[in-house]
Amino acid sequence: MTTVATCNNPMHAQLLKSVLEDSGIPVLLPNEHSAQTMPHLILAMGGIRVQVPEEHEENARALIADFEAKSGGNDTFPPTIA
């Protein structure tokens, strides 16, 4: 497995997982549960890793870039207050 994205927000990681799985790419979020149970440690853990099999890396990165461009991809911590 190779890491194609790192998120500071569990919901953003789930969104990316959904985008990739909808395209037939298997996804693993290895530290998702730790981040949900100990959200104050997300940054110390290095964020939530979005991982895919190596053979899907290029396609996954392209899908993520397209998704981020279309959605505005704001995964900041702490969140920006408008």
N, C-alpha and C. Protein backbone atom coordinates (compact mmCIF):
# COMPACT_ATOMS: atom_id res chain seq x y z
N MET A 1 0.84 -1.18 0.00
CA MET A 1 0.00 0.00 0.00
C MET A 1 0.89 1.24 0.00
N THR A 2 0.41 2.25 -0.69
CA THR A 2 1.14 3.50 -0.75
C THR A 2 0.21 4.66 -0.37
N THR A 3 0.75 5.63 0.34
CA THR A 3 -0.04 6.77 0.80
C THR A 3 -0.17 7.78 -0.34
N VAL A 4 -1.43 8.11 -0.69
CA VAL A 4 -1.68 9.07 -1.76
C VAL A 4 -2.20 10.40 -1.22
N ALA A 5 -2.58 10.46 0.04
CA ALA A 5 -3.05 11.69 0.66
C ALA A 5 -2.97 11.55 2.17
N THR A 6 -2.88 12.67 2.84
CA THR A 6 -2.91 12.73 4.30
C THR A 6 -3.88 13.83 4.68
N CYS A 7 -4.83 13.51 5.55
CA CYS A 7 -5.88 14.46 5.93
C CYS A 7 -5.81 14.77 7.42
N ASN A 8 -6.21 15.99 7.76
CA ASN A 8 -6.28 16.39 9.17
C ASN A 8 -7.69 16.24 9.72
N ASN A 9 -8.62 15.85 8.87
CA ASN A 9 -10.02 15.76 9.24
C ASN A 9 -10.56 14.39 8.83
N PRO A 10 -11.11 13.61 9.77
CA PRO A 10 -11.63 12.27 9.43
C PRO A 10 -12.71 12.30 8.35
N MET A 11 -13.52 13.35 8.32
CA MET A 11 -14.56 13.42 7.31
C MET A 11 -13.97 13.61 5.92
N HIS A 12 -12.90 14.38 5.82
CA HIS A 12 -12.25 14.58 4.52
C HIS A 12 -11.62 13.27 4.05
N ALA A 13 -11.02 12.53 4.96
CA ALA A 13 -10.44 11.23 4.61
C ALA A 13 -11.53 10.29 4.09
N GLN A 14 -12.69 10.30 4.73
CA GLN A 14 -13.81 9.46 4.28
C GLN A 14 -14.31 9.90 2.91
N LEU A 15 -14.35 11.20 2.66
CA LEU A 15 -14.75 11.69 1.33
C LEU A 15 -13.80 11.18 0.26
N LEU A 16 -12.50 11.29 0.51
CA LEU A 16 -11.52 10.80 -0.47
C LEU A 16 -11.66 9.30 -0.67
N LYS A 17 -11.88 8.58 0.41
CA LYS A 17 -12.07 7.13 0.32
C LYS A 17 -13.27 6.82 -0.58
N SER A 18 -14.36 7.55 -0.40
CA SER A 18 -15.56 7.33 -1.22
C SER A 18 -15.29 7.62 -2.69
N VAL A 19 -14.59 8.71 -2.96
CA VAL A 19 -14.27 9.07 -4.35
C VAL A 19 -13.46 7.95 -5.01
N LEU A 20 -12.46 7.45 -4.29
CA LEU A 20 -11.60 6.41 -4.85
C LEU A 20 -12.35 5.08 -5.00
N GLU A 21 -13.11 4.71 -3.99
CA GLU A 21 -13.84 3.44 -4.06
C GLU A 21 -14.91 3.47 -5.15
N ASP A 22 -15.51 4.65 -5.39
CA ASP A 22 -16.49 4.77 -6.47
C ASP A 22 -15.85 4.51 -7.84
N SER A 23 -14.54 4.69 -7.92
CA SER A 23 -13.81 4.44 -9.17
C SER A 23 -13.18 3.05 -9.18
N GLY A 24 -13.53 2.24 -8.19
CA GLY A 24 -13.03 0.86 -8.16
C GLY A 24 -11.66 0.68 -7.54
N ILE A 25 -11.19 1.68 -6.83
CA ILE A 25 -9.87 1.60 -6.20
C ILE A 25 -10.04 1.23 -4.73
N PRO A 26 -9.43 0.13 -4.29
CA PRO A 26 -9.52 -0.23 -2.86
C PRO A 26 -8.72 0.76 -2.02
N VAL A 27 -9.26 1.11 -0.87
CA VAL A 27 -8.65 2.15 -0.01
C VAL A 27 -8.53 1.64 1.42
N LEU A 28 -7.45 2.03 2.07
CA LEU A 28 -7.23 1.72 3.47
C LEU A 28 -6.92 3.04 4.19
N LEU A 29 -7.56 3.24 5.33
CA LEU A 29 -7.28 4.39 6.21
C LEU A 29 -6.74 3.81 7.51
N PRO A 30 -5.42 3.49 7.57
CA PRO A 30 -4.90 2.72 8.69
C PRO A 30 -5.00 3.35 10.07
N ASN A 31 -4.99 4.66 10.18
CA ASN A 31 -5.05 5.28 11.51
C ASN A 31 -6.34 6.07 11.71
N GLU A 32 -7.36 5.72 10.97
CA GLU A 32 -8.65 6.42 11.05
C GLU A 32 -9.28 6.30 12.44
N HIS A 33 -9.33 5.11 12.99
CA HIS A 33 -9.99 4.92 14.28
C HIS A 33 -9.25 5.64 15.41
N SER A 34 -7.94 5.63 15.36
CA SER A 34 -7.17 6.36 16.37
C SER A 34 -7.47 7.85 16.28
N ALA A 35 -7.57 8.37 15.07
CA ALA A 35 -7.86 9.79 14.88
C ALA A 35 -9.26 10.14 15.37
N GLN A 36 -10.20 9.22 15.23
CA GLN A 36 -11.56 9.49 15.68
C GLN A 36 -11.68 9.41 17.19
N THR A 37 -10.95 8.51 17.82
CA THR A 37 -11.05 8.36 19.26
C THR A 37 -10.15 9.33 20.02
N MET A 38 -9.10 9.81 19.33
CA MET A 38 -8.18 10.77 19.96
C MET A 38 -7.91 11.93 19.00
N PRO A 39 -8.95 12.72 18.67
CA PRO A 39 -8.78 13.77 17.67
C PRO A 39 -7.72 14.81 18.01
N HIS A 40 -7.43 14.97 19.28
CA HIS A 40 -6.41 15.94 19.69
C HIS A 40 -5.00 15.48 19.29
N LEU A 41 -4.87 14.23 18.86
CA LEU A 41 -3.55 13.71 18.46
C LEU A 41 -3.39 13.56 16.95
N ILE A 42 -4.36 14.02 16.17
CA ILE A 42 -4.30 13.84 14.72
C ILE A 42 -2.99 14.40 14.15
N LEU A 43 -2.64 15.61 14.53
CA LEU A 43 -1.41 16.20 14.01
C LEU A 43 -0.17 15.45 14.47
N ALA A 44 -0.16 14.99 15.72
CA ALA A 44 0.98 14.24 16.24
C ALA A 44 1.14 12.90 15.51
N MET A 45 0.01 12.33 15.06
CA MET A 45 0.05 11.07 14.32
C MET A 45 0.44 11.28 12.86
N GLY A 46 0.52 12.54 12.44
CA GLY A 46 0.86 12.82 11.06
C GLY A 46 -0.35 12.84 10.16
N GLY A 47 -1.53 12.97 10.73
CA GLY A 47 -2.76 13.00 9.94
C GLY A 47 -3.30 11.61 9.67
N ILE A 48 -4.38 11.58 8.92
CA ILE A 48 -5.01 10.32 8.54
C ILE A 48 -4.53 9.97 7.14
N ARG A 49 -3.84 8.85 7.01
CA ARG A 49 -3.28 8.44 5.72
C ARG A 49 -4.34 7.75 4.86
N VAL A 50 -4.39 8.15 3.60
CA VAL A 50 -5.25 7.50 2.62
C VAL A 50 -4.32 6.65 1.76
N GLN A 51 -4.49 5.32 1.84
CA GLN A 51 -3.58 4.42 1.15
C GLN A 51 -4.30 3.56 0.13
N VAL A 52 -3.61 3.30 -0.99
CA VAL A 52 -4.13 2.46 -2.06
C VAL A 52 -3.04 1.48 -2.49
N PRO A 53 -3.42 0.38 -3.15
CA PRO A 53 -2.39 -0.51 -3.70
C PRO A 53 -1.52 0.25 -4.71
N GLU A 54 -0.25 -0.10 -4.78
CA GLU A 54 0.71 0.61 -5.63
C GLU A 54 0.26 0.71 -7.09
N GLU A 55 -0.40 -0.31 -7.60
CA GLU A 55 -0.80 -0.29 -9.01
C GLU A 55 -1.90 0.74 -9.29
N HIS A 56 -2.53 1.26 -8.27
CA HIS A 56 -3.58 2.27 -8.42
C HIS A 56 -3.12 3.67 -8.06
N GLU A 57 -1.85 3.83 -7.69
CA GLU A 57 -1.36 5.11 -7.18
C GLU A 57 -1.58 6.26 -8.16
N GLU A 58 -1.17 6.10 -9.39
CA GLU A 58 -1.26 7.20 -10.37
C GLU A 58 -2.71 7.63 -10.59
N ASN A 59 -3.59 6.67 -10.78
CA ASN A 59 -5.00 6.97 -10.99
C ASN A 59 -5.61 7.62 -9.75
N ALA A 60 -5.25 7.12 -8.57
CA ALA A 60 -5.77 7.67 -7.32
C ALA A 60 -5.34 9.12 -7.13
N ARG A 61 -4.09 9.42 -7.40
CA ARG A 61 -3.60 10.80 -7.27
C ARG A 61 -4.33 11.73 -8.23
N ALA A 62 -4.60 11.25 -9.45
CA ALA A 62 -5.31 12.07 -10.43
C ALA A 62 -6.75 12.32 -9.97
N LEU A 63 -7.41 11.30 -9.45
CA LEU A 63 -8.78 11.45 -8.97
C LEU A 63 -8.85 12.41 -7.78
N ILE A 64 -7.88 12.30 -6.88
CA ILE A 64 -7.86 13.19 -5.71
C ILE A 64 -7.62 14.63 -6.15
N ALA A 65 -6.69 14.84 -7.07
CA ALA A 65 -6.41 16.19 -7.56
C ALA A 65 -7.64 16.79 -8.22
N ASP A 66 -8.35 15.98 -9.01
CA ASP A 66 -9.57 16.45 -9.67
C ASP A 66 -10.64 16.79 -8.64
N PHE A 67 -10.81 15.92 -7.64
CA PHE A 67 -11.79 16.17 -6.59
C PHE A 67 -11.47 17.44 -5.81
N GLU A 68 -10.20 17.61 -5.44
CA GLU A 68 -9.79 18.79 -4.67
C GLU A 68 -10.00 20.06 -5.49
N ALA A 69 -9.73 20.01 -6.79
CA ALA A 69 -9.90 21.18 -7.64
C ALA A 69 -11.38 21.58 -7.74
N LYS A 70 -12.24 20.57 -7.84
CA LYS A 70 -13.67 20.84 -7.98
C LYS A 70 -14.32 21.26 -6.68
N SER A 71 -13.84 20.72 -5.56
CA SER A 71 -14.49 20.98 -4.27
C SER A 71 -13.85 22.13 -3.49
N GLY A 72 -12.73 22.59 -3.93
CA GLY A 72 -12.04 23.65 -3.19
C GLY A 72 -11.13 23.08 -2.11
N GLY A 73 -11.22 21.77 -1.86
CA GLY A 73 -10.35 21.01 -0.96
C GLY A 73 -9.76 21.77 0.20
N ASN A 74 -10.55 22.13 1.19
CA ASN A 74 -10.05 22.86 2.35
C ASN A 74 -9.99 21.92 3.54
N ASP A 75 -8.84 21.30 3.76
CA ASP A 75 -8.64 20.38 4.88
C ASP A 75 -7.62 21.00 5.83
N THR A 76 -7.96 22.15 6.37
CA THR A 76 -7.02 22.84 7.25
C THR A 76 -7.31 22.55 8.71
N PHE A 77 -6.29 22.67 9.52
CA PHE A 77 -6.46 22.49 10.95
C PHE A 77 -5.64 23.56 11.65
N PRO A 78 -6.20 24.38 12.49
CA PRO A 78 -7.64 24.42 12.79
C PRO A 78 -8.42 24.95 11.59
N PRO A 79 -9.72 24.66 11.52
CA PRO A 79 -10.52 25.09 10.38
C PRO A 79 -10.51 26.61 10.22
N THR A 80 -10.55 27.04 8.97
CA THR A 80 -10.63 28.47 8.68
C THR A 80 -12.02 28.97 9.01
N ILE A 81 -12.09 30.08 9.71
CA ILE A 81 -13.39 30.66 10.06
C ILE A 81 -13.62 31.87 9.17
N ALA A 82 -14.73 31.84 8.44
CA ALA A 82 -15.02 32.94 7.50
C ALA A 82 -15.75 34.07 8.20
